[in-house]
Amino acid sequence: MRLNRILLSTALVVVALVVQVTVLARLHLPGAVPDPLLLVVVGLALVHGHTNGALIGFGAGLLADIAPPADHATGRYALVLCVIGYLVGLARPETGKLRSATVPMLVVVASAVGSTLLYAGVGSLVGDTAARNVGLTSLVFTAALYDLLLAPFVVPLVMAMARRVQPDPLSADGPSTMGGSRTMGGSRTGRVGGQRTGLRSGLRRPSRLKGVKRL
């Protein structure tokens, strides 16, 4: 990953985590807590692809694991967001630009449902039964609802900022091709100019010879 891409991703992850911990977690909404950190990972993965999405998801999840007031095993949410970032990155189009807002919204819903189920599944493996006590169905429904309502304000902004530091492969080929055509055009112009100069010098030489003969 490039340095500017790393700095932007880190800043977005930190801001999302601070908002989630200091604001959204204190609203005491029924069911799950809105997860802007997940939405940031989704937006970055849709622009940067599955490999970078997995790396960003792992880093974001690990930061959430060690940030207070985390009460779960370290690495649990890192694993969840790493898998989500990888899978979301697979939905990235080849051009890096989405034609409609339907795909991101569907991806957000699938990510919210998948992350909640995966988090509960990993928790059951390590002996955490909090999701069963609260109600897994309620958690899945509220997580998808909250993230879907928050997504129009987060995902487009994250994707727009990520595209500013994402190089466009189509434009990268453009200048080199144009430069090549200019070089070819310049060489042709030089050849034509050289031929014209040679013709002019050839036309001038007979006049000099005539002058010598006159002398």
N, C-alpha and C. Protein backbone atom coordinates (compact mmCIF):
# COMPACT_ATOMS: atom_id res chain seq x y z
N MET A 1 0.83 -1.19 0.00
CA MET A 1 0.00 0.00 0.00
C MET A 1 0.87 1.25 0.00
N ARG A 2 0.45 2.27 -0.71
CA ARG A 2 1.19 3.50 -0.77
C ARG A 2 1.03 4.26 0.53
N LEU A 3 1.98 5.20 0.77
CA LEU A 3 2.00 5.92 2.03
C LEU A 3 0.75 6.77 2.21
N ASN A 4 0.34 7.51 1.17
CA ASN A 4 -0.84 8.34 1.30
C ASN A 4 -2.10 7.52 1.52
N ARG A 5 -2.14 6.33 0.93
CA ARG A 5 -3.29 5.44 1.14
C ARG A 5 -3.32 4.92 2.57
N ILE A 6 -2.15 4.61 3.12
CA ILE A 6 -2.07 4.13 4.50
C ILE A 6 -2.48 5.23 5.47
N LEU A 7 -2.00 6.45 5.23
CA LEU A 7 -2.34 7.56 6.13
C LEU A 7 -3.84 7.85 6.11
N LEU A 8 -4.43 7.85 4.93
CA LEU A 8 -5.87 8.12 4.83
C LEU A 8 -6.68 7.02 5.50
N SER A 9 -6.32 5.77 5.24
CA SER A 9 -7.05 4.65 5.85
C SER A 9 -6.93 4.68 7.37
N THR A 10 -5.74 4.98 7.87
CA THR A 10 -5.54 5.05 9.32
C THR A 10 -6.38 6.16 9.94
N ALA A 11 -6.39 7.32 9.30
CA ALA A 11 -7.17 8.45 9.82
C ALA A 11 -8.66 8.14 9.84
N LEU A 12 -9.16 7.53 8.77
CA LEU A 12 -10.59 7.19 8.71
C LEU A 12 -10.96 6.15 9.75
N VAL A 13 -10.10 5.18 9.95
CA VAL A 13 -10.37 4.13 10.94
C VAL A 13 -10.39 4.71 12.35
N VAL A 14 -9.44 5.57 12.65
CA VAL A 14 -9.36 6.16 13.99
C VAL A 14 -10.58 7.04 14.26
N VAL A 15 -10.97 7.86 13.29
CA VAL A 15 -12.13 8.72 13.47
C VAL A 15 -13.40 7.90 13.67
N ALA A 16 -13.56 6.85 12.86
CA ALA A 16 -14.75 6.00 12.98
C ALA A 16 -14.79 5.30 14.34
N LEU A 17 -13.65 4.84 14.81
CA LEU A 17 -13.62 4.16 16.10
C LEU A 17 -13.92 5.12 17.24
N VAL A 18 -13.40 6.32 17.18
CA VAL A 18 -13.67 7.32 18.22
C VAL A 18 -15.15 7.67 18.27
N VAL A 19 -15.75 7.87 17.08
CA VAL A 19 -17.19 8.18 17.03
C VAL A 19 -18.01 7.02 17.57
N GLN A 20 -17.61 5.81 17.22
CA GLN A 20 -18.37 4.64 17.66
C GLN A 20 -18.30 4.46 19.18
N VAL A 21 -17.12 4.67 19.76
CA VAL A 21 -16.94 4.42 21.19
C VAL A 21 -17.49 5.55 22.04
N THR A 22 -17.26 6.78 21.61
CA THR A 22 -17.60 7.92 22.45
C THR A 22 -19.03 8.44 22.23
N VAL A 23 -19.62 8.17 21.06
CA VAL A 23 -20.94 8.73 20.76
C VAL A 23 -21.98 7.62 20.61
N LEU A 24 -21.81 6.77 19.62
CA LEU A 24 -22.85 5.80 19.28
C LEU A 24 -23.04 4.74 20.35
N ALA A 25 -21.97 4.33 21.02
CA ALA A 25 -22.09 3.31 22.05
C ALA A 25 -22.82 3.82 23.29
N ARG A 26 -22.88 5.13 23.47
CA ARG A 26 -23.54 5.72 24.64
C ARG A 26 -24.99 6.08 24.39
N LEU A 27 -25.48 5.81 23.20
CA LEU A 27 -26.88 6.11 22.91
C LEU A 27 -27.81 5.06 23.50
N HIS A 28 -27.27 3.89 23.81
CA HIS A 28 -28.05 2.79 24.41
C HIS A 28 -29.26 2.44 23.54
N LEU A 29 -28.98 2.25 22.24
CA LEU A 29 -30.04 1.84 21.33
C LEU A 29 -30.38 0.37 21.54
N PRO A 30 -31.61 -0.04 21.26
CA PRO A 30 -31.95 -1.47 21.43
C PRO A 30 -31.21 -2.33 20.43
N GLY A 31 -30.74 -3.46 20.90
CA GLY A 31 -30.03 -4.39 20.02
C GLY A 31 -28.57 -4.04 19.86
N ALA A 32 -28.12 -4.06 18.63
CA ALA A 32 -26.71 -3.83 18.33
C ALA A 32 -26.36 -2.34 18.38
N VAL A 33 -25.08 -2.05 18.25
CA VAL A 33 -24.57 -0.68 18.20
C VAL A 33 -24.21 -0.36 16.75
N PRO A 34 -24.57 0.81 16.24
CA PRO A 34 -24.15 1.18 14.87
C PRO A 34 -22.64 1.09 14.74
N ASP A 35 -22.19 0.58 13.61
CA ASP A 35 -20.77 0.26 13.43
C ASP A 35 -20.17 1.06 12.28
N PRO A 36 -19.79 2.33 12.50
CA PRO A 36 -19.14 3.09 11.42
C PRO A 36 -17.78 2.52 11.04
N LEU A 37 -17.14 1.80 11.95
CA LEU A 37 -15.86 1.18 11.62
C LEU A 37 -16.03 0.14 10.52
N LEU A 38 -17.08 -0.63 10.59
CA LEU A 38 -17.39 -1.60 9.53
C LEU A 38 -17.66 -0.90 8.21
N LEU A 39 -18.38 0.22 8.25
CA LEU A 39 -18.69 0.97 7.03
C LEU A 39 -17.43 1.56 6.40
N VAL A 40 -16.48 1.99 7.21
CA VAL A 40 -15.22 2.51 6.67
C VAL A 40 -14.45 1.39 5.97
N VAL A 41 -14.41 0.22 6.57
CA VAL A 41 -13.74 -0.92 5.94
C VAL A 41 -14.42 -1.30 4.64
N VAL A 42 -15.74 -1.27 4.62
CA VAL A 42 -16.49 -1.58 3.39
C VAL A 42 -16.17 -0.58 2.30
N GLY A 43 -16.20 0.72 2.63
CA GLY A 43 -15.92 1.75 1.62
C GLY A 43 -14.51 1.66 1.07
N LEU A 44 -13.53 1.41 1.93
CA LEU A 44 -12.14 1.31 1.47
C LEU A 44 -11.93 0.03 0.65
N ALA A 45 -12.56 -1.05 1.04
CA ALA A 45 -12.40 -2.31 0.30
C ALA A 45 -13.03 -2.22 -1.08
N LEU A 46 -14.13 -1.48 -1.22
CA LEU A 46 -14.77 -1.32 -2.53
C LEU A 46 -13.90 -0.52 -3.49
N VAL A 47 -12.97 0.26 -2.97
CA VAL A 47 -12.10 1.07 -3.82
C VAL A 47 -10.75 0.39 -4.02
N HIS A 48 -10.18 -0.15 -2.95
CA HIS A 48 -8.80 -0.66 -3.00
C HIS A 48 -8.70 -2.15 -3.28
N GLY A 49 -9.80 -2.90 -3.25
CA GLY A 49 -9.73 -4.31 -3.59
C GLY A 49 -9.64 -5.22 -2.38
N HIS A 50 -9.61 -6.53 -2.64
CA HIS A 50 -9.72 -7.52 -1.57
C HIS A 50 -8.46 -7.63 -0.72
N THR A 51 -7.28 -7.50 -1.33
CA THR A 51 -6.05 -7.64 -0.54
C THR A 51 -5.91 -6.49 0.45
N ASN A 52 -6.01 -5.27 -0.06
CA ASN A 52 -5.95 -4.11 0.83
C ASN A 52 -7.14 -4.08 1.78
N GLY A 53 -8.29 -4.56 1.32
CA GLY A 53 -9.45 -4.61 2.20
C GLY A 53 -9.23 -5.52 3.39
N ALA A 54 -8.59 -6.66 3.16
CA ALA A 54 -8.28 -7.58 4.25
C ALA A 54 -7.28 -6.96 5.23
N LEU A 55 -6.27 -6.28 4.70
CA LEU A 55 -5.28 -5.63 5.57
C LEU A 55 -5.89 -4.51 6.39
N ILE A 56 -6.70 -3.69 5.74
CA ILE A 56 -7.36 -2.60 6.45
C ILE A 56 -8.33 -3.14 7.49
N GLY A 57 -9.08 -4.17 7.13
CA GLY A 57 -10.01 -4.77 8.08
C GLY A 57 -9.31 -5.36 9.28
N PHE A 58 -8.18 -6.02 9.06
CA PHE A 58 -7.45 -6.60 10.18
C PHE A 58 -6.92 -5.51 11.10
N GLY A 59 -6.35 -4.45 10.52
CA GLY A 59 -5.84 -3.36 11.36
C GLY A 59 -6.94 -2.65 12.12
N ALA A 60 -8.07 -2.39 11.45
CA ALA A 60 -9.19 -1.72 12.11
C ALA A 60 -9.76 -2.59 13.23
N GLY A 61 -9.92 -3.89 12.97
CA GLY A 61 -10.45 -4.78 13.99
C GLY A 61 -9.52 -4.92 15.18
N LEU A 62 -8.22 -4.98 14.91
CA LEU A 62 -7.26 -5.10 16.00
C LEU A 62 -7.26 -3.85 16.88
N LEU A 63 -7.41 -2.69 16.23
CA LEU A 63 -7.49 -1.45 17.00
C LEU A 63 -8.75 -1.43 17.86
N ALA A 64 -9.86 -1.93 17.33
CA ALA A 64 -11.09 -2.01 18.12
C ALA A 64 -10.97 -3.03 19.25
N ASP A 65 -10.16 -4.07 19.06
CA ASP A 65 -9.99 -5.09 20.10
C ASP A 65 -9.25 -4.54 21.32
N ILE A 66 -8.31 -3.63 21.09
CA ILE A 66 -7.50 -3.14 22.22
C ILE A 66 -7.98 -1.80 22.74
N ALA A 67 -8.94 -1.18 22.05
CA ALA A 67 -9.45 0.12 22.50
C ALA A 67 -10.47 -0.09 23.61
N PRO A 68 -10.39 0.67 24.69
CA PRO A 68 -11.40 0.54 25.74
C PRO A 68 -12.74 1.07 25.25
N PRO A 69 -13.86 0.56 25.68
CA PRO A 69 -14.02 -0.47 26.75
C PRO A 69 -14.21 -1.87 26.21
N ALA A 70 -13.32 -2.34 25.34
CA ALA A 70 -13.43 -3.68 24.75
C ALA A 70 -13.37 -4.74 25.84
N ASP A 71 -14.31 -5.69 25.80
CA ASP A 71 -14.38 -6.73 26.83
C ASP A 71 -14.34 -8.13 26.21
N HIS A 72 -13.79 -8.22 25.00
CA HIS A 72 -13.71 -9.53 24.35
C HIS A 72 -12.25 -9.87 24.08
N ALA A 73 -12.02 -11.07 23.59
CA ALA A 73 -10.66 -11.54 23.35
C ALA A 73 -10.00 -10.74 22.23
N THR A 74 -8.73 -10.40 22.42
CA THR A 74 -7.99 -9.65 21.41
C THR A 74 -7.81 -10.48 20.15
N GLY A 75 -8.12 -9.88 19.02
CA GLY A 75 -8.02 -10.56 17.74
C GLY A 75 -9.34 -11.06 17.22
N ARG A 76 -10.38 -11.02 18.05
CA ARG A 76 -11.68 -11.55 17.63
C ARG A 76 -12.31 -10.68 16.55
N TYR A 77 -12.37 -9.36 16.79
CA TYR A 77 -12.96 -8.48 15.78
C TYR A 77 -11.99 -8.26 14.62
N ALA A 78 -10.69 -8.40 14.86
CA ALA A 78 -9.72 -8.30 13.78
C ALA A 78 -9.95 -9.39 12.74
N LEU A 79 -10.22 -10.60 13.22
CA LEU A 79 -10.52 -11.70 12.31
C LEU A 79 -11.79 -11.43 11.52
N VAL A 80 -12.81 -10.91 12.22
CA VAL A 80 -14.09 -10.65 11.56
C VAL A 80 -13.93 -9.61 10.46
N LEU A 81 -13.32 -8.48 10.76
CA LEU A 81 -13.19 -7.42 9.76
C LEU A 81 -12.20 -7.78 8.67
N CYS A 82 -11.23 -8.64 8.96
CA CYS A 82 -10.31 -9.09 7.93
C CYS A 82 -11.06 -9.91 6.88
N VAL A 83 -11.93 -10.81 7.33
CA VAL A 83 -12.73 -11.62 6.40
C VAL A 83 -13.71 -10.74 5.64
N ILE A 84 -14.36 -9.80 6.33
CA ILE A 84 -15.32 -8.91 5.68
C ILE A 84 -14.63 -8.03 4.65
N GLY A 85 -13.48 -7.49 4.99
CA GLY A 85 -12.74 -6.65 4.04
C GLY A 85 -12.32 -7.40 2.80
N TYR A 86 -11.92 -8.65 2.97
CA TYR A 86 -11.54 -9.47 1.82
C TYR A 86 -12.73 -9.77 0.92
N LEU A 87 -13.84 -10.18 1.53
CA LEU A 87 -15.02 -10.54 0.74
C LEU A 87 -15.62 -9.32 0.04
N VAL A 88 -15.66 -8.18 0.73
CA VAL A 88 -16.19 -6.96 0.11
C VAL A 88 -15.29 -6.52 -1.04
N GLY A 89 -13.99 -6.67 -0.88
CA GLY A 89 -13.06 -6.28 -1.94
C GLY A 89 -13.25 -7.08 -3.21
N LEU A 90 -13.77 -8.29 -3.10
CA LEU A 90 -14.05 -9.10 -4.28
C LEU A 90 -15.18 -8.52 -5.12
N ALA A 91 -16.03 -7.71 -4.50
CA ALA A 91 -17.13 -7.07 -5.22
C ALA A 91 -16.71 -5.79 -5.91
N ARG A 92 -15.46 -5.40 -5.78
CA ARG A 92 -14.96 -4.18 -6.42
C ARG A 92 -14.94 -4.36 -7.93
N PRO A 93 -15.54 -3.41 -8.70
CA PRO A 93 -15.49 -3.52 -10.16
C PRO A 93 -14.10 -3.28 -10.69
N GLU A 94 -13.84 -3.72 -11.92
CA GLU A 94 -12.52 -3.58 -12.50
C GLU A 94 -12.13 -2.12 -12.68
N THR A 95 -13.09 -1.27 -13.00
CA THR A 95 -12.79 0.15 -13.18
C THR A 95 -12.65 0.89 -11.86
N GLY A 96 -13.06 0.28 -10.74
CA GLY A 96 -12.99 0.92 -9.45
C GLY A 96 -14.13 1.88 -9.17
N LYS A 97 -15.10 1.99 -10.09
CA LYS A 97 -16.22 2.91 -9.92
C LYS A 97 -17.53 2.14 -10.05
N LEU A 98 -18.42 2.39 -9.12
CA LEU A 98 -19.72 1.73 -9.12
C LEU A 98 -20.72 2.59 -9.88
N ARG A 99 -21.56 1.94 -10.68
CA ARG A 99 -22.51 2.66 -11.51
C ARG A 99 -23.78 3.05 -10.76
N SER A 100 -24.11 2.36 -9.67
CA SER A 100 -25.33 2.66 -8.93
C SER A 100 -25.05 2.50 -7.44
N ALA A 101 -25.99 3.02 -6.64
CA ALA A 101 -25.86 2.93 -5.19
C ALA A 101 -26.46 1.65 -4.64
N THR A 102 -27.04 0.83 -5.50
CA THR A 102 -27.67 -0.41 -5.03
C THR A 102 -26.63 -1.41 -4.53
N VAL A 103 -25.53 -1.54 -5.25
CA VAL A 103 -24.50 -2.50 -4.87
C VAL A 103 -23.89 -2.17 -3.50
N PRO A 104 -23.49 -0.91 -3.23
CA PRO A 104 -22.96 -0.62 -1.89
C PRO A 104 -23.95 -0.89 -0.77
N MET A 105 -25.23 -0.58 -0.99
CA MET A 105 -26.21 -0.82 0.06
C MET A 105 -26.39 -2.32 0.32
N LEU A 106 -26.41 -3.11 -0.73
CA LEU A 106 -26.50 -4.56 -0.55
C LEU A 106 -25.25 -5.10 0.14
N VAL A 107 -24.11 -4.55 -0.22
CA VAL A 107 -22.86 -4.97 0.42
C VAL A 107 -22.87 -4.61 1.91
N VAL A 108 -23.40 -3.44 2.24
CA VAL A 108 -23.48 -3.03 3.65
C VAL A 108 -24.36 -3.97 4.45
N VAL A 109 -25.53 -4.30 3.91
CA VAL A 109 -26.43 -5.22 4.62
C VAL A 109 -25.78 -6.59 4.80
N ALA A 110 -25.17 -7.10 3.73
CA ALA A 110 -24.51 -8.40 3.83
C ALA A 110 -23.34 -8.36 4.81
N SER A 111 -22.61 -7.26 4.83
CA SER A 111 -21.48 -7.13 5.75
C SER A 111 -21.95 -7.05 7.20
N ALA A 112 -23.03 -6.31 7.44
CA ALA A 112 -23.56 -6.20 8.81
C ALA A 112 -24.04 -7.55 9.31
N VAL A 113 -24.78 -8.26 8.47
CA VAL A 113 -25.28 -9.59 8.87
C VAL A 113 -24.11 -10.56 9.03
N GLY A 114 -23.21 -10.57 8.07
CA GLY A 114 -22.08 -11.49 8.12
C GLY A 114 -21.15 -11.24 9.29
N SER A 115 -20.87 -9.96 9.58
CA SER A 115 -19.97 -9.65 10.70
C SER A 115 -20.60 -10.02 12.03
N THR A 116 -21.91 -9.81 12.17
CA THR A 116 -22.58 -10.17 13.42
C THR A 116 -22.58 -11.68 13.64
N LEU A 117 -22.89 -12.43 12.58
CA LEU A 117 -22.90 -13.89 12.69
C LEU A 117 -21.49 -14.43 12.93
N LEU A 118 -20.52 -13.87 12.22
CA LEU A 118 -19.14 -14.34 12.39
C LEU A 118 -18.61 -14.00 13.77
N TYR A 119 -18.95 -12.81 14.27
CA TYR A 119 -18.52 -12.41 15.61
C TYR A 119 -19.12 -13.33 16.67
N ALA A 120 -20.42 -13.64 16.51
CA ALA A 120 -21.06 -14.55 17.45
C ALA A 120 -20.49 -15.96 17.34
N GLY A 121 -20.17 -16.38 16.09
CA GLY A 121 -19.60 -17.71 15.90
C GLY A 121 -18.23 -17.85 16.53
N VAL A 122 -17.38 -16.83 16.35
CA VAL A 122 -16.06 -16.87 16.98
C VAL A 122 -16.20 -16.81 18.49
N GLY A 123 -17.18 -16.03 18.98
CA GLY A 123 -17.40 -15.95 20.42
C GLY A 123 -17.82 -17.28 21.03
N SER A 124 -18.64 -18.02 20.29
CA SER A 124 -19.05 -19.33 20.80
C SER A 124 -17.88 -20.31 20.89
N LEU A 125 -16.90 -20.13 20.01
CA LEU A 125 -15.73 -21.00 20.05
C LEU A 125 -14.84 -20.73 21.25
N VAL A 126 -14.84 -19.47 21.71
CA VAL A 126 -13.99 -19.11 22.86
C VAL A 126 -14.79 -19.05 24.15
N GLY A 127 -16.06 -19.48 24.11
CA GLY A 127 -16.86 -19.54 25.32
C GLY A 127 -17.64 -18.30 25.66
N ASP A 128 -17.78 -17.36 24.72
CA ASP A 128 -18.55 -16.14 24.97
C ASP A 128 -19.98 -16.37 24.49
N THR A 129 -20.92 -16.38 25.42
CA THR A 129 -22.33 -16.65 25.10
C THR A 129 -23.20 -15.40 25.24
N ALA A 130 -22.60 -14.21 25.16
CA ALA A 130 -23.36 -12.98 25.33
C ALA A 130 -24.38 -12.80 24.21
N ALA A 131 -24.01 -13.21 23.00
CA ALA A 131 -24.93 -13.05 21.87
C ALA A 131 -26.17 -13.91 22.05
N ARG A 132 -26.03 -15.09 22.66
CA ARG A 132 -27.20 -15.95 22.89
C ARG A 132 -28.14 -15.33 23.94
N ASN A 133 -27.52 -14.68 24.94
CA ASN A 133 -28.34 -14.08 25.99
C ASN A 133 -29.14 -12.88 25.47
N VAL A 134 -28.53 -12.08 24.60
CA VAL A 134 -29.22 -10.91 24.05
C VAL A 134 -30.23 -11.33 23.00
N GLY A 135 -29.90 -12.32 22.21
CA GLY A 135 -30.76 -12.75 21.12
C GLY A 135 -30.08 -12.48 19.79
N LEU A 136 -29.63 -13.54 19.13
CA LEU A 136 -28.86 -13.38 17.90
C LEU A 136 -29.71 -12.77 16.78
N THR A 137 -30.99 -13.16 16.73
CA THR A 137 -31.86 -12.63 15.68
C THR A 137 -32.04 -11.13 15.82
N SER A 138 -32.20 -10.66 17.04
CA SER A 138 -32.35 -9.23 17.29
C SER A 138 -31.06 -8.48 16.95
N LEU A 139 -29.93 -9.06 17.29
CA LEU A 139 -28.65 -8.42 16.97
C LEU A 139 -28.44 -8.29 15.47
N VAL A 140 -28.74 -9.35 14.74
CA VAL A 140 -28.56 -9.32 13.29
C VAL A 140 -29.46 -8.28 12.65
N PHE A 141 -30.73 -8.25 13.06
CA PHE A 141 -31.69 -7.32 12.46
C PHE A 141 -31.31 -5.87 12.77
N THR A 142 -31.03 -5.57 14.02
CA THR A 142 -30.70 -4.19 14.38
C THR A 142 -29.36 -3.75 13.80
N ALA A 143 -28.40 -4.65 13.72
CA ALA A 143 -27.11 -4.29 13.13
C ALA A 143 -27.27 -3.93 11.66
N ALA A 144 -28.05 -4.74 10.93
CA ALA A 144 -28.29 -4.45 9.51
C ALA A 144 -29.06 -3.15 9.35
N LEU A 145 -30.04 -2.90 10.22
CA LEU A 145 -30.86 -1.69 10.12
C LEU A 145 -30.04 -0.44 10.43
N TYR A 146 -29.29 -0.45 11.51
CA TYR A 146 -28.51 0.72 11.90
C TYR A 146 -27.42 1.03 10.86
N ASP A 147 -26.73 0.01 10.41
CA ASP A 147 -25.66 0.24 9.44
C ASP A 147 -26.21 0.69 8.09
N LEU A 148 -27.38 0.19 7.73
CA LEU A 148 -28.00 0.62 6.47
C LEU A 148 -28.43 2.09 6.55
N LEU A 149 -28.93 2.53 7.69
CA LEU A 149 -29.32 3.93 7.86
C LEU A 149 -28.10 4.85 7.91
N LEU A 150 -27.00 4.35 8.43
CA LEU A 150 -25.78 5.15 8.54
C LEU A 150 -24.94 5.13 7.27
N ALA A 151 -25.12 4.12 6.45
CA ALA A 151 -24.28 3.93 5.26
C ALA A 151 -24.31 5.10 4.28
N PRO A 152 -25.46 5.71 3.94
CA PRO A 152 -25.44 6.82 2.96
C PRO A 152 -24.61 8.02 3.39
N PHE A 153 -24.35 8.16 4.68
CA PHE A 153 -23.56 9.28 5.17
C PHE A 153 -22.07 8.95 5.32
N VAL A 154 -21.73 7.67 5.28
CA VAL A 154 -20.35 7.25 5.53
C VAL A 154 -19.70 6.67 4.28
N VAL A 155 -20.33 5.67 3.68
CA VAL A 155 -19.70 4.93 2.58
C VAL A 155 -19.37 5.81 1.38
N PRO A 156 -20.29 6.65 0.86
CA PRO A 156 -19.92 7.50 -0.30
C PRO A 156 -18.78 8.45 0.02
N LEU A 157 -18.77 9.01 1.24
CA LEU A 157 -17.69 9.92 1.61
C LEU A 157 -16.35 9.21 1.67
N VAL A 158 -16.35 8.02 2.26
CA VAL A 158 -15.11 7.23 2.36
C VAL A 158 -14.60 6.84 0.98
N MET A 159 -15.50 6.41 0.10
CA MET A 159 -15.10 6.02 -1.25
C MET A 159 -14.58 7.20 -2.05
N ALA A 160 -15.19 8.37 -1.89
CA ALA A 160 -14.73 9.56 -2.61
C ALA A 160 -13.33 9.97 -2.15
N MET A 161 -13.09 9.90 -0.86
CA MET A 161 -11.76 10.24 -0.34
C MET A 161 -10.73 9.21 -0.75
N ALA A 162 -11.13 7.92 -0.79
CA ALA A 162 -10.18 6.87 -1.17
C ALA A 162 -9.81 6.96 -2.64
N ARG A 163 -10.75 7.38 -3.49
CA ARG A 163 -10.45 7.50 -4.93
C ARG A 163 -9.44 8.60 -5.21
N ARG A 164 -9.34 9.58 -4.33
CA ARG A 164 -8.38 10.66 -4.53
C ARG A 164 -6.94 10.18 -4.42
N VAL A 165 -6.73 9.13 -3.65
CA VAL A 165 -5.38 8.59 -3.50
C VAL A 165 -5.21 7.28 -4.25
N GLN A 166 -6.24 6.87 -5.00
CA GLN A 166 -6.17 5.64 -5.79
C GLN A 166 -5.78 5.99 -7.22
N PRO A 167 -4.61 5.52 -7.73
CA PRO A 167 -4.23 5.81 -9.11
C PRO A 167 -5.16 5.17 -10.10
N ASP A 168 -5.49 5.90 -11.17
CA ASP A 168 -6.37 5.40 -12.21
C ASP A 168 -5.55 4.66 -13.26
N PRO A 169 -5.73 3.33 -13.41
CA PRO A 169 -4.92 2.60 -14.38
C PRO A 169 -5.18 3.03 -15.81
N LEU A 170 -6.37 3.55 -16.12
CA LEU A 170 -6.67 3.97 -17.48
C LEU A 170 -5.94 5.25 -17.83
N SER A 171 -5.91 6.17 -16.88
CA SER A 171 -5.21 7.43 -17.14
C SER A 171 -3.71 7.26 -17.13
N ALA A 172 -3.24 6.18 -16.45
CA ALA A 172 -1.80 5.95 -16.41
C ALA A 172 -1.26 5.58 -17.78
N ASP A 173 -2.06 4.90 -18.59
CA ASP A 173 -1.61 4.51 -19.92
C ASP A 173 -1.76 5.64 -20.92
N GLY A 174 -2.65 6.59 -20.56
CA GLY A 174 -2.93 7.66 -21.51
C GLY A 174 -1.74 8.54 -21.82
N PRO A 175 -1.07 9.13 -20.79
CA PRO A 175 0.04 10.03 -21.08
C PRO A 175 1.19 9.36 -21.81
N SER A 176 1.46 8.06 -21.44
CA SER A 176 2.57 7.39 -22.12
C SER A 176 2.26 7.20 -23.60
N THR A 177 1.00 6.85 -23.91
CA THR A 177 0.64 6.69 -25.32
C THR A 177 0.68 8.00 -26.05
N MET A 178 0.18 9.04 -25.40
CA MET A 178 0.21 10.35 -26.03
C MET A 178 1.64 10.82 -26.21
N GLY A 179 2.45 10.52 -25.16
CA GLY A 179 3.84 10.91 -25.28
C GLY A 179 4.53 10.18 -26.41
N GLY A 180 4.17 8.88 -26.57
CA GLY A 180 4.76 8.11 -27.65
C GLY A 180 4.36 8.65 -28.99
N SER A 181 3.09 9.06 -29.14
CA SER A 181 2.65 9.60 -30.41
C SER A 181 3.32 10.92 -30.69
N ARG A 182 3.55 11.71 -29.64
CA ARG A 182 4.25 12.96 -29.85
C ARG A 182 5.69 12.74 -30.26
N THR A 183 6.30 11.70 -29.65
CA THR A 183 7.68 11.40 -30.02
C THR A 183 7.76 10.94 -31.46
N MET A 184 6.80 10.10 -31.86
CA MET A 184 6.80 9.65 -33.24
C MET A 184 6.55 10.82 -34.17
N GLY A 185 5.60 11.69 -33.72
CA GLY A 185 5.34 12.86 -34.55
C GLY A 185 6.55 13.76 -34.63
N GLY A 186 7.27 13.88 -33.48
CA GLY A 186 8.45 14.72 -33.48
C GLY A 186 9.54 14.16 -34.36
N SER A 187 9.71 12.80 -34.35
CA SER A 187 10.74 12.21 -35.20
C SER A 187 10.39 12.36 -36.67
N ARG A 188 9.10 12.23 -37.00
CA ARG A 188 8.69 12.44 -38.38
C ARG A 188 8.92 13.86 -38.82
N THR A 189 8.58 14.79 -37.89
CA THR A 189 8.82 16.19 -38.23
C THR A 189 10.29 16.46 -38.43
N GLY A 190 11.14 15.81 -37.58
CA GLY A 190 12.58 15.99 -37.74
C GLY A 190 13.07 15.43 -39.05
N ARG A 191 12.52 14.27 -39.43
CA ARG A 191 12.93 13.68 -40.70
C ARG A 191 12.53 14.54 -41.88
N VAL A 192 11.26 15.03 -41.81
CA VAL A 192 10.82 15.89 -42.90
C VAL A 192 11.63 17.16 -42.96
N GLY A 193 11.92 17.72 -41.74
CA GLY A 193 12.74 18.93 -41.72
C GLY A 193 14.13 18.68 -42.26
N GLY A 194 14.69 17.47 -41.89
CA GLY A 194 16.02 17.15 -42.40
C GLY A 194 16.02 16.99 -43.91
N GLN A 195 14.96 16.39 -44.45
CA GLN A 195 14.88 16.23 -45.89
C GLN A 195 14.77 17.58 -46.58
N ARG A 196 13.97 18.46 -45.99
CA ARG A 196 13.85 19.80 -46.58
C ARG A 196 15.17 20.55 -46.53
N THR A 197 15.88 20.40 -45.40
CA THR A 197 17.19 21.06 -45.30
C THR A 197 18.16 20.50 -46.32
N GLY A 198 18.11 19.16 -46.48
CA GLY A 198 18.99 18.55 -47.48
C GLY A 198 18.67 19.02 -48.89
N LEU A 199 17.36 19.16 -49.19
CA LEU A 199 16.98 19.64 -50.51
C LEU A 199 17.45 21.07 -50.72
N ARG A 200 17.30 21.89 -49.67
CA ARG A 200 17.73 23.28 -49.80
C ARG A 200 19.24 23.38 -49.99
N SER A 201 19.97 22.58 -49.22
CA SER A 201 21.43 22.61 -49.37
C SER A 201 21.84 22.06 -50.73
N GLY A 202 21.07 21.05 -51.20
CA GLY A 202 21.38 20.51 -52.53
C GLY A 202 21.11 21.52 -53.62
N LEU A 203 20.07 22.34 -53.43
CA LEU A 203 19.77 23.37 -54.42
C LEU A 203 20.79 24.50 -54.38
N ARG A 204 21.35 24.75 -53.21
CA ARG A 204 22.33 25.84 -53.09
C ARG A 204 23.70 25.46 -53.64
N ARG A 205 24.03 24.17 -53.58
CA ARG A 205 25.37 23.75 -54.02
C ARG A 205 25.64 24.03 -55.49
N PRO A 206 24.67 23.76 -56.38
CA PRO A 206 24.95 24.07 -57.79
C PRO A 206 25.27 25.54 -58.03
N SER A 207 24.62 26.45 -57.30
CA SER A 207 24.91 27.88 -57.50
C SER A 207 26.32 28.19 -57.10
N ARG A 208 26.81 27.54 -56.02
CA ARG A 208 28.22 27.78 -55.64
C ARG A 208 29.18 27.24 -56.69
N LEU A 209 28.85 26.07 -57.25
CA LEU A 209 29.71 25.53 -58.29
C LEU A 209 29.74 26.41 -59.51
N LYS A 210 28.56 26.95 -59.84
CA LYS A 210 28.52 27.87 -60.97
C LYS A 210 29.37 29.08 -60.73
N GLY A 211 29.35 29.52 -59.48
CA GLY A 211 30.18 30.69 -59.16
C GLY A 211 31.65 30.38 -59.32
N VAL A 212 32.05 29.20 -58.93
CA VAL A 212 33.46 28.80 -59.08
C VAL A 212 33.86 28.73 -60.52
N LYS A 213 32.93 28.18 -61.35
CA LYS A 213 33.23 28.09 -62.78
C LYS A 213 33.36 29.46 -63.39
N ARG A 214 32.55 30.41 -62.93
CA ARG A 214 32.63 31.77 -63.46
C ARG A 214 33.97 32.40 -63.12
N LEU A 215 34.48 32.09 -61.89
CA LEU A 215 35.75 32.66 -61.54
C LEU A 215 36.87 32.01 -62.36
